[in-house]
Amino acid sequence: MAKIVIAEDERDIRDLVAFTLRFAGHEVTAGANGEEAVELAKKENPDLILLDVRMPRMTGYDACREIKKIPALVDTPVVFLSAKGQEAEIETGMDVGAEEYLLKPFAPDQLTSRVSEILAKYGK
């Protein structure tokens, strides 16, 4: 299946997302902050990147901006996972280059179906 990088500072959520996606057959690499997300994305060259918005060291928005500057990753879809559902937050996420903005909490089957749809859209 697909290679996916996750960055989420809350361990329980990170572990749940990683477990859910691995169970669906994906190869998952996880980090705990935005800086790790950028480094993992460079190293792994994933098919999809899932980022929390509010993280230490570097926000998801800043990580997305940095990832989109990397030629090999410019077309890699980025999805934000956030509890912050205000319109301005969602707009910022889309403005920095995200494909989608999923609101927490979400059910594991919602996550896997959206991931499958996004990967299919990008031919992955």
N, C-alpha and C. Protein backbone atom coordinates (compact mmCIF):
# COMPACT_ATOMS: atom_id res chain seq x y z
N MET A 1 0.84 -1.19 0.00
CA MET A 1 0.00 0.00 0.00
C MET A 1 0.89 1.25 0.00
N ALA A 2 0.39 2.31 0.62
CA ALA A 2 1.08 3.59 0.57
C ALA A 2 2.05 3.78 1.73
N LYS A 3 3.00 4.66 1.49
CA LYS A 3 3.95 5.08 2.53
C LYS A 3 3.43 6.40 3.08
N ILE A 4 3.21 6.45 4.40
CA ILE A 4 2.60 7.62 5.05
C ILE A 4 3.46 8.10 6.20
N VAL A 5 3.65 9.43 6.27
CA VAL A 5 4.33 10.06 7.41
C VAL A 5 3.27 10.77 8.24
N ILE A 6 3.34 10.57 9.55
CA ILE A 6 2.43 11.22 10.50
C ILE A 6 3.26 12.07 11.45
N ALA A 7 2.75 13.26 11.79
CA ALA A 7 3.34 14.05 12.86
C ALA A 7 2.21 14.49 13.79
N GLU A 8 2.30 14.05 15.03
CA GLU A 8 1.28 14.34 16.05
C GLU A 8 1.98 14.33 17.40
N ASP A 9 1.83 15.42 18.17
CA ASP A 9 2.55 15.49 19.45
C ASP A 9 1.88 14.69 20.56
N GLU A 10 0.61 14.38 20.45
CA GLU A 10 -0.06 13.57 21.48
C GLU A 10 0.14 12.09 21.16
N ARG A 11 0.91 11.43 22.02
CA ARG A 11 1.30 10.03 21.77
C ARG A 11 0.10 9.12 21.51
N ASP A 12 -0.96 9.23 22.31
CA ASP A 12 -2.12 8.34 22.14
C ASP A 12 -2.74 8.50 20.76
N ILE A 13 -2.89 9.72 20.32
CA ILE A 13 -3.48 9.96 19.00
C ILE A 13 -2.53 9.47 17.92
N ARG A 14 -1.24 9.79 18.07
CA ARG A 14 -0.23 9.34 17.09
C ARG A 14 -0.25 7.82 16.97
N ASP A 15 -0.27 7.13 18.10
CA ASP A 15 -0.28 5.67 18.09
C ASP A 15 -1.56 5.12 17.47
N LEU A 16 -2.69 5.72 17.77
CA LEU A 16 -3.96 5.27 17.21
C LEU A 16 -3.99 5.45 15.69
N VAL A 17 -3.56 6.62 15.22
CA VAL A 17 -3.55 6.89 13.77
C VAL A 17 -2.58 5.91 13.08
N ALA A 18 -1.40 5.74 13.65
CA ALA A 18 -0.41 4.83 13.05
C ALA A 18 -0.95 3.40 13.02
N PHE A 19 -1.53 2.95 14.13
CA PHE A 19 -2.09 1.59 14.20
C PHE A 19 -3.19 1.41 13.16
N THR A 20 -4.09 2.38 13.09
CA THR A 20 -5.22 2.31 12.16
C THR A 20 -4.72 2.19 10.72
N LEU A 21 -3.75 3.01 10.37
CA LEU A 21 -3.25 3.00 8.98
C LEU A 21 -2.41 1.76 8.69
N ARG A 22 -1.66 1.30 9.68
CA ARG A 22 -0.90 0.04 9.48
C ARG A 22 -1.85 -1.13 9.31
N PHE A 23 -2.92 -1.15 10.11
CA PHE A 23 -3.92 -2.21 10.03
C PHE A 23 -4.56 -2.23 8.63
N ALA A 24 -4.67 -1.04 8.02
CA ALA A 24 -5.23 -0.93 6.67
C ALA A 24 -4.20 -1.29 5.59
N GLY A 25 -2.98 -1.63 6.03
CA GLY A 25 -1.97 -2.10 5.09
C GLY A 25 -0.91 -1.09 4.68
N HIS A 26 -0.93 0.08 5.26
CA HIS A 26 0.03 1.12 4.89
C HIS A 26 1.32 1.02 5.70
N GLU A 27 2.39 1.54 5.11
CA GLU A 27 3.67 1.66 5.81
C GLU A 27 3.69 3.04 6.46
N VAL A 28 3.82 3.09 7.79
CA VAL A 28 3.68 4.34 8.52
C VAL A 28 4.95 4.67 9.30
N THR A 29 5.39 5.93 9.18
CA THR A 29 6.48 6.47 9.99
C THR A 29 5.91 7.65 10.75
N ALA A 30 6.17 7.73 12.06
CA ALA A 30 5.55 8.77 12.88
C ALA A 30 6.57 9.61 13.62
N GLY A 31 6.27 10.91 13.71
CA GLY A 31 7.09 11.85 14.47
C GLY A 31 6.21 12.61 15.44
N ALA A 32 6.86 13.32 16.37
CA ALA A 32 6.13 14.00 17.44
C ALA A 32 6.02 15.51 17.28
N ASN A 33 6.62 16.08 16.22
CA ASN A 33 6.53 17.53 16.04
C ASN A 33 6.79 17.90 14.57
N GLY A 34 6.63 19.17 14.27
CA GLY A 34 6.77 19.64 12.90
C GLY A 34 8.16 19.45 12.32
N GLU A 35 9.19 19.68 13.14
CA GLU A 35 10.57 19.48 12.65
C GLU A 35 10.78 18.03 12.24
N GLU A 36 10.31 17.09 13.08
CA GLU A 36 10.44 15.68 12.74
C GLU A 36 9.67 15.36 11.47
N ALA A 37 8.52 15.98 11.29
CA ALA A 37 7.73 15.74 10.08
C ALA A 37 8.51 16.10 8.82
N VAL A 38 9.17 17.24 8.84
CA VAL A 38 9.95 17.68 7.67
C VAL A 38 11.09 16.71 7.41
N GLU A 39 11.81 16.33 8.46
CA GLU A 39 12.93 15.39 8.30
C GLU A 39 12.46 14.02 7.82
N LEU A 40 11.37 13.52 8.39
CA LEU A 40 10.84 12.22 7.98
C LEU A 40 10.35 12.27 6.53
N ALA A 41 9.72 13.37 6.15
CA ALA A 41 9.23 13.50 4.77
C ALA A 41 10.40 13.48 3.78
N LYS A 42 11.48 14.18 4.11
CA LYS A 42 12.67 14.17 3.24
C LYS A 42 13.24 12.77 3.13
N LYS A 43 13.32 12.07 4.26
CA LYS A 43 13.94 10.75 4.31
C LYS A 43 13.07 9.67 3.65
N GLU A 44 11.77 9.71 3.91
CA GLU A 44 10.86 8.64 3.48
C GLU A 44 10.26 8.84 2.09
N ASN A 45 10.19 10.10 1.62
CA ASN A 45 9.53 10.43 0.36
C ASN A 45 8.15 9.73 0.29
N PRO A 46 7.26 10.09 1.24
CA PRO A 46 5.99 9.38 1.38
C PRO A 46 4.98 9.70 0.28
N ASP A 47 3.93 8.89 0.25
CA ASP A 47 2.81 9.12 -0.67
C ASP A 47 1.80 10.09 -0.07
N LEU A 48 1.82 10.23 1.26
CA LEU A 48 0.87 11.08 1.97
C LEU A 48 1.49 11.51 3.30
N ILE A 49 1.18 12.74 3.72
CA ILE A 49 1.68 13.26 4.99
C ILE A 49 0.49 13.76 5.81
N LEU A 50 0.38 13.29 7.05
CA LEU A 50 -0.67 13.72 7.97
C LEU A 50 -0.03 14.54 9.08
N LEU A 51 -0.51 15.78 9.27
CA LEU A 51 0.08 16.67 10.26
C LEU A 51 -0.95 17.21 11.24
N ASP A 52 -0.60 17.18 12.51
CA ASP A 52 -1.38 17.93 13.50
C ASP A 52 -1.04 19.40 13.26
N VAL A 53 -1.92 20.29 13.67
CA VAL A 53 -1.65 21.72 13.49
C VAL A 53 -0.79 22.27 14.62
N ARG A 54 -1.22 22.06 15.86
CA ARG A 54 -0.51 22.61 17.02
C ARG A 54 0.48 21.58 17.56
N MET A 55 1.76 21.83 17.27
CA MET A 55 2.82 20.94 17.75
C MET A 55 3.99 21.77 18.23
N PRO A 56 4.81 21.20 19.11
CA PRO A 56 6.00 21.92 19.57
C PRO A 56 7.04 22.02 18.46
N ARG A 57 7.98 22.92 18.65
CA ARG A 57 9.12 23.17 17.76
C ARG A 57 8.74 23.79 16.44
N MET A 58 7.72 23.25 15.77
CA MET A 58 7.28 23.79 14.49
C MET A 58 5.82 23.38 14.31
N THR A 59 4.96 24.33 13.99
CA THR A 59 3.54 23.99 13.79
C THR A 59 3.38 23.15 12.52
N GLY A 60 2.23 22.54 12.42
CA GLY A 60 1.91 21.81 11.20
C GLY A 60 1.90 22.72 9.98
N TYR A 61 1.41 23.95 10.15
CA TYR A 61 1.39 24.91 9.04
C TYR A 61 2.81 25.18 8.55
N ASP A 62 3.72 25.44 9.50
CA ASP A 62 5.11 25.73 9.13
C ASP A 62 5.77 24.51 8.50
N ALA A 63 5.47 23.33 9.04
CA ALA A 63 6.03 22.10 8.47
C ALA A 63 5.53 21.91 7.04
N CYS A 64 4.26 22.17 6.81
CA CYS A 64 3.71 22.04 5.46
C CYS A 64 4.39 23.02 4.50
N ARG A 65 4.58 24.25 4.95
CA ARG A 65 5.29 25.23 4.11
C ARG A 65 6.68 24.73 3.73
N GLU A 66 7.41 24.19 4.72
CA GLU A 66 8.76 23.69 4.46
C GLU A 66 8.74 22.48 3.51
N ILE A 67 7.81 21.58 3.73
CA ILE A 67 7.70 20.39 2.89
C ILE A 67 7.40 20.78 1.45
N LYS A 68 6.53 21.75 1.25
CA LYS A 68 6.14 22.17 -0.10
C LYS A 68 7.27 22.90 -0.84
N LYS A 69 8.33 23.29 -0.12
CA LYS A 69 9.51 23.91 -0.75
C LYS A 69 10.45 22.85 -1.33
N ILE A 70 10.26 21.59 -0.95
CA ILE A 70 11.15 20.51 -1.38
C ILE A 70 10.64 19.97 -2.72
N PRO A 71 11.44 20.10 -3.79
CA PRO A 71 10.95 19.71 -5.11
C PRO A 71 10.36 18.30 -5.18
N ALA A 72 10.98 17.34 -4.52
CA ALA A 72 10.50 15.96 -4.58
C ALA A 72 9.17 15.77 -3.85
N LEU A 73 8.80 16.72 -2.99
CA LEU A 73 7.60 16.58 -2.17
C LEU A 73 6.50 17.58 -2.51
N VAL A 74 6.75 18.45 -3.46
CA VAL A 74 5.81 19.53 -3.75
C VAL A 74 4.42 19.01 -4.12
N ASP A 75 4.35 17.84 -4.76
CA ASP A 75 3.06 17.28 -5.16
C ASP A 75 2.53 16.23 -4.19
N THR A 76 3.23 16.00 -3.08
CA THR A 76 2.78 15.04 -2.09
C THR A 76 1.61 15.63 -1.30
N PRO A 77 0.47 14.94 -1.24
CA PRO A 77 -0.66 15.50 -0.49
C PRO A 77 -0.38 15.55 1.01
N VAL A 78 -0.77 16.68 1.61
CA VAL A 78 -0.66 16.90 3.05
C VAL A 78 -2.07 17.06 3.59
N VAL A 79 -2.37 16.36 4.68
CA VAL A 79 -3.68 16.45 5.33
C VAL A 79 -3.46 16.88 6.77
N PHE A 80 -4.18 17.91 7.19
CA PHE A 80 -4.12 18.33 8.59
C PHE A 80 -5.14 17.58 9.41
N LEU A 81 -4.73 17.15 10.59
CA LEU A 81 -5.61 16.52 11.58
C LEU A 81 -5.66 17.49 12.75
N SER A 82 -6.81 18.07 13.02
CA SER A 82 -6.86 19.07 14.08
C SER A 82 -8.21 19.13 14.76
N ALA A 83 -8.19 19.50 16.02
CA ALA A 83 -9.42 19.74 16.77
C ALA A 83 -9.90 21.17 16.54
N LYS A 84 -9.05 21.99 15.94
CA LYS A 84 -9.39 23.39 15.68
C LYS A 84 -10.13 23.48 14.35
N GLY A 85 -11.46 23.66 14.44
CA GLY A 85 -12.26 23.65 13.23
C GLY A 85 -12.77 25.00 12.77
N GLN A 86 -12.22 26.08 13.32
CA GLN A 86 -12.66 27.40 12.90
C GLN A 86 -12.30 27.62 11.43
N GLU A 87 -13.15 28.37 10.75
CA GLU A 87 -12.96 28.62 9.32
C GLU A 87 -11.57 29.19 9.02
N ALA A 88 -11.09 30.12 9.87
CA ALA A 88 -9.77 30.73 9.64
C ALA A 88 -8.66 29.67 9.72
N GLU A 89 -8.80 28.73 10.65
CA GLU A 89 -7.79 27.66 10.78
C GLU A 89 -7.77 26.79 9.52
N ILE A 90 -8.95 26.43 9.06
CA ILE A 90 -9.05 25.59 7.87
C ILE A 90 -8.49 26.32 6.65
N GLU A 91 -8.84 27.60 6.52
CA GLU A 91 -8.32 28.41 5.40
C GLU A 91 -6.80 28.47 5.43
N THR A 92 -6.23 28.68 6.61
CA THR A 92 -4.77 28.73 6.72
C THR A 92 -4.17 27.41 6.26
N GLY A 93 -4.75 26.30 6.70
CA GLY A 93 -4.26 24.99 6.29
C GLY A 93 -4.28 24.81 4.78
N MET A 94 -5.35 25.22 4.16
CA MET A 94 -5.46 25.09 2.70
C MET A 94 -4.49 26.06 2.00
N ASP A 95 -4.34 27.24 2.57
CA ASP A 95 -3.43 28.24 1.97
C ASP A 95 -1.98 27.80 1.97
N VAL A 96 -1.57 27.02 2.98
CA VAL A 96 -0.17 26.59 3.02
C VAL A 96 0.07 25.34 2.19
N GLY A 97 -0.98 24.81 1.56
CA GLY A 97 -0.78 23.72 0.62
C GLY A 97 -1.41 22.39 0.98
N ALA A 98 -2.28 22.36 1.98
CA ALA A 98 -2.90 21.09 2.36
C ALA A 98 -3.95 20.65 1.35
N GLU A 99 -4.08 19.35 1.23
CA GLU A 99 -5.11 18.75 0.39
C GLU A 99 -6.45 18.74 1.13
N GLU A 100 -6.38 18.51 2.44
CA GLU A 100 -7.61 18.39 3.21
C GLU A 100 -7.33 18.70 4.68
N TYR A 101 -8.40 18.94 5.41
CA TYR A 101 -8.34 19.29 6.83
C TYR A 101 -9.36 18.43 7.53
N LEU A 102 -8.91 17.39 8.25
CA LEU A 102 -9.81 16.49 8.96
C LEU A 102 -9.91 16.90 10.43
N LEU A 103 -11.13 16.99 10.91
CA LEU A 103 -11.34 17.41 12.29
C LEU A 103 -11.33 16.22 13.24
N LYS A 104 -10.62 16.39 14.36
CA LYS A 104 -10.63 15.41 15.45
C LYS A 104 -11.84 15.73 16.33
N PRO A 105 -12.45 14.76 16.94
CA PRO A 105 -12.14 13.34 16.81
C PRO A 105 -12.75 12.76 15.54
N PHE A 106 -12.14 11.71 15.05
CA PHE A 106 -12.68 11.00 13.89
C PHE A 106 -12.60 9.51 14.18
N ALA A 107 -13.47 8.76 13.57
CA ALA A 107 -13.48 7.31 13.75
C ALA A 107 -12.40 6.70 12.87
N PRO A 108 -11.80 5.60 13.30
CA PRO A 108 -10.76 4.96 12.48
C PRO A 108 -11.21 4.65 11.05
N ASP A 109 -12.47 4.21 10.87
CA ASP A 109 -12.92 3.91 9.51
C ASP A 109 -13.06 5.17 8.67
N GLN A 110 -13.38 6.31 9.30
CA GLN A 110 -13.42 7.59 8.58
C GLN A 110 -12.03 7.92 8.07
N LEU A 111 -11.04 7.76 8.95
CA LEU A 111 -9.66 8.06 8.58
C LEU A 111 -9.20 7.19 7.42
N THR A 112 -9.41 5.90 7.52
CA THR A 112 -8.93 5.01 6.45
C THR A 112 -9.64 5.27 5.14
N SER A 113 -10.93 5.58 5.18
CA SER A 113 -11.64 5.84 3.93
C SER A 113 -11.16 7.15 3.29
N ARG A 114 -10.96 8.19 4.09
CA ARG A 114 -10.47 9.46 3.53
C ARG A 114 -9.05 9.30 2.98
N VAL A 115 -8.20 8.58 3.70
CA VAL A 115 -6.84 8.33 3.22
C VAL A 115 -6.89 7.58 1.89
N SER A 116 -7.73 6.57 1.80
CA SER A 116 -7.85 5.80 0.54
C SER A 116 -8.32 6.69 -0.60
N GLU A 117 -9.30 7.56 -0.33
CA GLU A 117 -9.81 8.46 -1.36
C GLU A 117 -8.73 9.44 -1.83
N ILE A 118 -7.98 9.99 -0.91
CA ILE A 118 -6.94 10.95 -1.27
C ILE A 118 -5.84 10.25 -2.06
N LEU A 119 -5.42 9.07 -1.61
CA LEU A 119 -4.38 8.33 -2.33
C LEU A 119 -4.85 7.97 -3.74
N ALA A 120 -6.11 7.58 -3.87
CA ALA A 120 -6.65 7.25 -5.20
C ALA A 120 -6.65 8.48 -6.11
N LYS A 121 -6.99 9.61 -5.55
CA LYS A 121 -7.01 10.87 -6.31
C LYS A 121 -5.61 11.18 -6.87
N TYR A 122 -4.58 10.83 -6.11
CA TYR A 122 -3.21 11.10 -6.52
C TYR A 122 -2.56 9.91 -7.22
N GLY A 123 -3.36 8.89 -7.50
CA GLY A 123 -2.84 7.73 -8.23
C GLY A 123 -1.85 6.90 -7.43
N LYS A 124 -2.02 6.86 -6.12
CA LYS A 124 -1.10 6.10 -5.24
C LYS A 124 -1.74 4.81 -4.80
